[in-house]
Each structure stands twice: as C-alpha cells, then as structure tokens.
Amino acid sequence: MDNGNIYLRSFVSGFLYIFGLSDNPFAYLSSKYKNRNDAEEIDKDWRIVGADIQNSYEQHKSTFKTAKQ
C-alpha cells in the first residue's frame, strides 16, 4: 500500500473519529510505519534521489536549449 492510501485512510478515519464513528486512526497509521523494513526505506530513498537527478537533468537540458537559441 502506498503512502497516499495510508494518509487518505487515516484522514477519513480521523474525520469519522471526531464524530465517534471510528476508532482512533493513530493506531492504524503508526502500525503501517512500524511494519516497514530497512530495505523498503532504502528503496524509497534511492527512488527520491533518482527523481531529483532526473528533475535536475531535465532542468539543465531545458536551460541549455534556451541558452543555445
């Protein structure tokens, strides 16, 4: 399950918790973070690094094209 679904479910549960229609969403959210292992965290970090490098490359490429014209 990706972070978007975790946050959405937590938000909806929190909203329902205010009106007494759901359990405390903190237990669900904290359990999802406790169940992650180091390999998943390292993978996530490298994906972020890769995305930063790609964004930087695209920005440099577009700057180089405008400077060349």
PDB file of N, CA and C in Angstrom:
ATOM      1  N   MET A   1       0.848  -1.178   0.000  1.00  0.00           N
ATOM      2  CA  MET A   1       0.000   0.000   0.000  1.00  0.00           C
ATOM      3  C   MET A   1       0.891   1.239   0.000  1.00  0.00           C
ATOM      4  N   ASP A   2       0.604   2.189  -0.838  1.00  0.00           N
ATOM      5  CA  ASP A   2       1.448   3.372  -0.910  1.00  0.00           C
ATOM      6  C   ASP A   2       1.016   4.405   0.130  1.00  0.00           C
ATOM      7  N   ASN A   3       1.856   5.435   0.290  1.00  0.00           N
ATOM      8  CA  ASN A   3       1.609   6.440   1.318  1.00  0.00           C
ATOM      9  C   ASN A   3       0.323   7.204   1.099  1.00  0.00           C
ATOM     10  N   GLY A   4      -0.060   7.441  -0.139  1.00  0.00           N
ATOM     11  CA  GLY A   4      -1.286   8.169  -0.403  1.00  0.00           C
ATOM     12  C   GLY A   4      -2.498   7.473   0.187  1.00  0.00           C
ATOM     13  N   ASN A   5      -2.563   6.162   0.024  1.00  0.00           N
ATOM     14  CA  ASN A   5      -3.687   5.413   0.582  1.00  0.00           C
ATOM     15  C   ASN A   5      -3.643   5.387   2.102  1.00  0.00           C
ATOM     16  N   ILE A   6      -2.462   5.312   2.676  1.00  0.00           N
ATOM     17  CA  ILE A   6      -2.331   5.327   4.133  1.00  0.00           C
ATOM     18  C   ILE A   6      -2.842   6.650   4.674  1.00  0.00           C
ATOM     19  N   TYR A   7      -2.424   7.740   4.063  1.00  0.00           N
ATOM     20  CA  TYR A   7      -2.828   9.064   4.541  1.00  0.00           C
ATOM     21  C   TYR A   7      -4.315   9.308   4.315  1.00  0.00           C
ATOM     22  N   LEU A   8      -4.828   8.869   3.197  1.00  0.00           N
ATOM     23  CA  LEU A   8      -6.253   9.042   2.923  1.00  0.00           C
ATOM     24  C   LEU A   8      -7.089   8.268   3.932  1.00  0.00           C
ATOM     25  N   ARG A   9      -6.723   7.027   4.162  1.00  0.00           N
ATOM     26  CA  ARG A   9      -7.473   6.220   5.128  1.00  0.00           C
ATOM     27  C   ARG A   9      -7.375   6.821   6.523  1.00  0.00           C
ATOM     28  N   SER A  10      -6.193   7.318   6.887  1.00  0.00           N
ATOM     29  CA  SER A  10      -6.017   7.941   8.187  1.00  0.00           C
ATOM     30  C   SER A  10      -6.854   9.208   8.305  1.00  0.00           C
ATOM     31  N   PHE A  11      -6.898  10.004   7.242  1.00  0.00           N
ATOM     32  CA  PHE A  11      -7.692  11.229   7.246  1.00  0.00           C
ATOM     33  C   PHE A  11      -9.173  10.930   7.417  1.00  0.00           C
ATOM     34  N   VAL A  12      -9.666   9.988   6.626  1.00  0.00           N
ATOM     35  CA  VAL A  12     -11.087   9.629   6.705  1.00  0.00           C
ATOM     36  C   VAL A  12     -11.406   9.057   8.084  1.00  0.00           C
ATOM     37  N   SER A  13     -10.536   8.195   8.602  1.00  0.00           N
ATOM     38  CA  SER A  13     -10.759   7.627   9.930  1.00  0.00           C
ATOM     39  C   SER A  13     -10.732   8.710  11.000  1.00  0.00           C
ATOM     40  N   GLY A  14      -9.822   9.685  10.846  1.00  0.00           N
ATOM     41  CA  GLY A  14      -9.768  10.799  11.789  1.00  0.00           C
ATOM     42  C   GLY A  14     -11.027  11.631  11.760  1.00  0.00           C
ATOM     43  N   PHE A  15     -11.542  11.874  10.580  1.00  0.00           N
ATOM     44  CA  PHE A  15     -12.788  12.622  10.430  1.00  0.00           C
ATOM     45  C   PHE A  15     -13.937  11.879  11.099  1.00  0.00           C
ATOM     46  N   LEU A  16     -14.014  10.572  10.860  1.00  0.00           N
ATOM     47  CA  LEU A  16     -15.074   9.775  11.473  1.00  0.00           C
ATOM     48  C   LEU A  16     -14.881   9.660  12.984  1.00  0.00           C
ATOM     49  N   TYR A  17     -13.610   9.646  13.430  1.00  0.00           N
ATOM     50  CA  TYR A  17     -13.312   9.552  14.864  1.00  0.00           C
ATOM     51  C   TYR A  17     -13.843  10.768  15.613  1.00  0.00           C
ATOM     52  N   ILE A  18     -13.802  11.928  14.973  1.00  0.00           N
ATOM     53  CA  ILE A  18     -14.305  13.150  15.605  1.00  0.00           C
ATOM     54  C   ILE A  18     -15.774  12.984  15.988  1.00  0.00           C
ATOM     55  N   PHE A  19     -16.532  12.327  15.141  1.00  0.00           N
ATOM     56  CA  PHE A  19     -17.958  12.138  15.387  1.00  0.00           C
ATOM     57  C   PHE A  19     -18.271  10.816  16.085  1.00  0.00           C
ATOM     58  N   GLY A  20     -17.242  10.097  16.506  1.00  0.00           N
ATOM     59  CA  GLY A  20     -17.451   8.860  17.244  1.00  0.00           C
ATOM     60  C   GLY A  20     -17.839   7.677  16.384  1.00  0.00           C
ATOM     61  N   LEU A  21     -17.564   7.740  15.087  1.00  0.00           N
ATOM     62  CA  LEU A  21     -17.960   6.670  14.181  1.00  0.00           C
ATOM     63  C   LEU A  21     -16.818   5.728  13.813  1.00  0.00           C
ATOM     64  N   SER A  22     -15.635   5.959  14.368  1.00  0.00           N
ATOM     65  CA  SER A  22     -14.485   5.134  14.010  1.00  0.00           C
ATOM     66  C   SER A  22     -13.534   5.061  15.197  1.00  0.00           C
ATOM     67  N   ASP A  23     -12.628   4.093  15.141  1.00  0.00           N
ATOM     68  CA  ASP A  23     -11.565   4.003  16.147  1.00  0.00           C
ATOM     69  C   ASP A  23     -10.518   5.068  15.868  1.00  0.00           C
ATOM     70  N   ASN A  24      -9.615   5.236  16.820  1.00  0.00           N
ATOM     71  CA  ASN A  24      -8.551   6.209  16.683  1.00  0.00           C
ATOM     72  C   ASN A  24      -7.646   5.835  15.505  1.00  0.00           C
ATOM     73  N   PRO A  25      -7.472   6.714  14.506  1.00  0.00           N
ATOM     74  CA  PRO A  25      -6.674   6.373  13.325  1.00  0.00           C
ATOM     75  C   PRO A  25      -5.177   6.326  13.592  1.00  0.00           C
ATOM     76  N   PHE A  26      -4.737   6.844  14.715  1.00  0.00           N
ATOM     77  CA  PHE A  26      -3.305   6.847  15.010  1.00  0.00           C
ATOM     78  C   PHE A  26      -2.754   5.429  15.094  1.00  0.00           C
ATOM     79  N   ALA A  27      -3.532   4.519  15.630  1.00  0.00           N
ATOM     80  CA  ALA A  27      -3.077   3.127  15.748  1.00  0.00           C
ATOM     81  C   ALA A  27      -2.816   2.528  14.372  1.00  0.00           C
ATOM     82  N   TYR A  28      -3.695   2.806  13.413  1.00  0.00           N
ATOM     83  CA  TYR A  28      -3.510   2.273  12.060  1.00  0.00           C
ATOM     84  C   TYR A  28      -2.280   2.879  11.395  1.00  0.00           C
ATOM     85  N   LEU A  29      -2.142   4.193  11.498  1.00  0.00           N
ATOM     86  CA  LEU A  29      -1.031   4.881  10.846  1.00  0.00           C
ATOM     87  C   LEU A  29       0.302   4.466  11.447  1.00  0.00           C
ATOM     88  N   SER A  30       0.377   4.391  12.753  1.00  0.00           N
ATOM     89  CA  SER A  30       1.643   4.015  13.386  1.00  0.00           C
ATOM     90  C   SER A  30       2.004   2.568  13.092  1.00  0.00           C
ATOM     91  N   SER A  31       1.007   1.684  12.971  1.00  0.00           N
ATOM     92  CA  SER A  31       1.314   0.284  12.670  1.00  0.00           C
ATOM     93  C   SER A  31       1.880   0.136  11.265  1.00  0.00           C
ATOM     94  N   LYS A  32       1.426   0.961  10.326  1.00  0.00           N
ATOM     95  CA  LYS A  32       1.947   0.892   8.965  1.00  0.00           C
ATOM     96  C   LYS A  32       3.416   1.312   8.922  1.00  0.00           C
ATOM     97  N   TYR A  33       3.784   2.302   9.721  1.00  0.00           N
ATOM     98  CA  TYR A  33       5.175   2.741   9.733  1.00  0.00           C
ATOM     99  C   TYR A  33       6.067   1.778  10.494  1.00  0.00           C
ATOM    100  N   LYS A  34       5.536   1.103  11.493  1.00  0.00           N
ATOM    101  CA  LYS A  34       6.334   0.138  12.248  1.00  0.00           C
ATOM    102  C   LYS A  34       6.619  -1.108  11.424  1.00  0.00           C
ATOM    103  N   ASN A  35       5.767  -1.430  10.471  1.00  0.00           N
ATOM    104  CA  ASN A  35       5.916  -2.650   9.689  1.00  0.00           C
ATOM    105  C   ASN A  35       6.879  -2.492   8.511  1.00  0.00           C
ATOM    106  N   ARG A  36       7.383  -1.313   8.270  1.00  0.00           N
ATOM    107  CA  ARG A  36       8.339  -1.125   7.175  1.00  0.00           C
ATOM    108  C   ARG A  36       9.703  -1.661   7.580  1.00  0.00           C
ATOM    109  N   ASN A  37      10.386  -2.257   6.631  1.00  0.00           N
ATOM    110  CA  ASN A  37      11.723  -2.727   6.932  1.00  0.00           C
ATOM    111  C   ASN A  37      12.751  -1.796   6.288  1.00  0.00           C
ATOM    112  N   ASP A  38      14.002  -2.032   6.590  1.00  0.00           N
ATOM    113  CA  ASP A  38      15.066  -1.156   6.111  1.00  0.00           C
ATOM    114  C   ASP A  38      15.191  -1.171   4.597  1.00  0.00           C
ATOM    115  N   ALA A  39      14.981  -2.318   3.977  1.00  0.00           N
ATOM    116  CA  ALA A  39      15.108  -2.411   2.518  1.00  0.00           C
ATOM    117  C   ALA A  39      14.083  -1.510   1.828  1.00  0.00           C
ATOM    118  N   GLU A  40      12.865  -1.467   2.361  1.00  0.00           N
ATOM    119  CA  GLU A  40      11.841  -0.591   1.774  1.00  0.00           C
ATOM    120  C   GLU A  40      12.213   0.878   1.931  1.00  0.00           C
ATOM    121  N   GLU A  41      12.776   1.229   3.076  1.00  0.00           N
ATOM    122  CA  GLU A  41      13.173   2.617   3.312  1.00  0.00           C
ATOM    123  C   GLU A  41      14.338   3.019   2.406  1.00  0.00           C
ATOM    124  N   ILE A  42      15.296   2.127   2.227  1.00  0.00           N
ATOM    125  CA  ILE A  42      16.425   2.414   1.339  1.00  0.00           C
ATOM    126  C   ILE A  42      15.941   2.546  -0.096  1.00  0.00           C
ATOM    127  N   ASP A  43      15.037   1.663  -0.513  1.00  0.00           N
ATOM    128  CA  ASP A  43      14.465   1.737  -1.853  1.00  0.00           C
ATOM    129  C   ASP A  43      13.754   3.071  -2.062  1.00  0.00           C
ATOM    130  N   LYS A  44      12.980   3.482  -1.073  1.00  0.00           N
ATOM    131  CA  LYS A  44      12.267   4.756  -1.160  1.00  0.00           C
ATOM    132  C   LYS A  44      13.261   5.926  -1.289  1.00  0.00           C
ATOM    133  N   ASP A  45      14.328   5.894  -0.488  1.00  0.00           N
ATOM    134  CA  ASP A  45      15.326   6.959  -0.542  1.00  0.00           C
ATOM    135  C   ASP A  45      16.003   7.024  -1.910  1.00  0.00           C
ATOM    136  N   TRP A  46      16.350   5.867  -2.483  1.00  0.00           N
ATOM    137  CA  TRP A  46      17.013   5.867  -3.785  1.00  0.00           C
ATOM    138  C   TRP A  46      16.077   6.320  -4.892  1.00  0.00           C
ATOM    139  N   ARG A  47      14.805   6.003  -4.771  1.00  0.00           N
ATOM    140  CA  ARG A  47      13.842   6.493  -5.762  1.00  0.00           C
ATOM    141  C   ARG A  47      13.735   8.017  -5.707  1.00  0.00           C
ATOM    142  N   ILE A  48      13.785   8.576  -4.508  1.00  0.00           N
ATOM    143  CA  ILE A  48      13.761  10.029  -4.358  1.00  0.00           C
ATOM    144  C   ILE A  48      15.020  10.651  -4.950  1.00  0.00           C
ATOM    145  N   VAL A  49      16.165  10.041  -4.698  1.00  0.00           N
ATOM    146  CA  VAL A  49      17.425  10.530  -5.268  1.00  0.00           C
ATOM    147  C   VAL A  49      17.367  10.471  -6.789  1.00  0.00           C
ATOM    148  N   GLY A  50      16.881   9.365  -7.336  1.00  0.00           N
ATOM    149  CA  GLY A  50      16.759   9.234  -8.787  1.00  0.00           C
ATOM    150  C   GLY A  50      15.834  10.272  -9.384  1.00  0.00           C
ATOM    151  N   ALA A  51      14.723  10.543  -8.712  1.00  0.00           N
ATOM    152  CA  ALA A  51      13.796  11.564  -9.202  1.00  0.00           C
ATOM    153  C   ALA A  51      14.432  12.950  -9.158  1.00  0.00           C
ATOM    154  N   ASP A  52      15.207  13.231  -8.117  1.00  0.00           N
ATOM    155  CA  ASP A  52      15.903  14.519  -8.029  1.00  0.00           C
ATOM    156  C   ASP A  52      16.926  14.673  -9.146  1.00  0.00           C
ATOM    157  N   ILE A  53      17.660  13.611  -9.440  1.00  0.00           N
ATOM    158  CA  ILE A  53      18.643  13.659 -10.522  1.00  0.00           C
ATOM    159  C   ILE A  53      17.950  13.869 -11.858  1.00  0.00           C
ATOM    160  N   GLN A  54      16.851  13.170 -12.081  1.00  0.00           N
ATOM    161  CA  GLN A  54      16.113  13.318 -13.332  1.00  0.00           C
ATOM    162  C   GLN A  54      15.552  14.733 -13.478  1.00  0.00           C
ATOM    163  N   ASN A  55      14.985  15.277 -12.415  1.00  0.00           N
ATOM    164  CA  ASN A  55      14.470  16.640 -12.465  1.00  0.00           C
ATOM    165  C   ASN A  55      15.574  17.648 -12.734  1.00  0.00           C
ATOM    166  N   SER A  56      16.709  17.446 -12.117  1.00  0.00           N
ATOM    167  CA  SER A  56      17.851  18.330 -12.322  1.00  0.00           C
ATOM    168  C   SER A  56      18.345  18.253 -13.765  1.00  0.00           C
ATOM    169  N   TYR A  57      18.394  17.046 -14.298  1.00  0.00           N
ATOM    170  CA  TYR A  57      18.812  16.861 -15.688  1.00  0.00           C
ATOM    171  C   TYR A  57      17.844  17.549 -16.649  1.00  0.00           C
ATOM    172  N   GLU A  58      16.556  17.363 -16.422  1.00  0.00           N
ATOM    173  CA  GLU A  58      15.551  17.995 -17.286  1.00  0.00           C
ATOM    174  C   GLU A  58      15.638  19.520 -17.208  1.00  0.00           C
ATOM    175  N   GLN A  59      15.870  20.042 -16.023  1.00  0.00           N
ATOM    176  CA  GLN A  59      16.003  21.486 -15.860  1.00  0.00           C
ATOM    177  C   GLN A  59      17.253  21.989 -16.587  1.00  0.00           C
ATOM    178  N   HIS A  60      18.344  21.267 -16.459  1.00  0.00           N
ATOM    179  CA  HIS A  60      19.587  21.642 -17.139  1.00  0.00           C
ATOM    180  C   HIS A  60      19.405  21.563 -18.651  1.00  0.00           C
ATOM    181  N   LYS A  61      18.746  20.517 -19.122  1.00  0.00           N
ATOM    182  CA  LYS A  61      18.523  20.335 -20.554  1.00  0.00           C
ATOM    183  C   LYS A  61      17.683  21.480 -21.116  1.00  0.00           C
ATOM    184  N   SER A  62      16.626  21.867 -20.404  1.00  0.00           N
ATOM    185  CA  SER A  62      15.787  22.960 -20.903  1.00  0.00           C
ATOM    186  C   SER A  62      16.532  24.298 -20.841  1.00  0.00           C
ATOM    187  N   THR A  63      17.368  24.493 -19.853  1.00  0.00           N
ATOM    188  CA  THR A  63      18.166  25.723 -19.755  1.00  0.00           C
ATOM    189  C   THR A  63      19.190  25.765 -20.886  1.00  0.00           C
ATOM    190  N   PHE A  64      19.779  24.631 -21.189  1.00  0.00           N
ATOM    191  CA  PHE A  64      20.787  24.575 -22.253  1.00  0.00           C
ATOM    192  C   PHE A  64      20.158  24.849 -23.609  1.00  0.00           C
ATOM    193  N   LYS A  65      18.925  24.336 -23.842  1.00  0.00           N
ATOM    194  CA  LYS A  65      18.240  24.579 -25.110  1.00  0.00           C
ATOM    195  C   LYS A  65      17.896  26.048 -25.286  1.00  0.00           C
ATOM    196  N   THR A  66      17.436  26.709 -24.233  1.00  0.00           N
ATOM    197  CA  THR A  66      17.086  28.133 -24.358  1.00  0.00           C
ATOM    198  C   THR A  66      18.315  28.988 -24.500  1.00  0.00           C
ATOM    199  N   ALA A  67      19.424  28.630 -23.881  1.00  0.00           N
ATOM    200  CA  ALA A  67      20.668  29.400 -23.997  1.00  0.00           C
ATOM    201  C   ALA A  67      21.277  29.212 -25.391  1.00  0.00           C
ATOM    202  N   LYS A  68      21.068  28.051 -25.993  1.00  0.00           N
ATOM    203  CA  LYS A  68      21.637  27.750 -27.298  1.00  0.00           C
ATOM    204  C   LYS A  68      20.922  28.519 -28.405  1.00  0.00           C
ATOM    205  N   GLN A  69      19.649  28.817 -28.201  1.00  0.00           N
ATOM    206  CA  GLN A  69      18.862  29.511 -29.244  1.00  0.00           C
ATOM    207  C   GLN A  69      19.200  30.923 -29.259  1.00  0.00           C
TER     208      GLN A  69
END
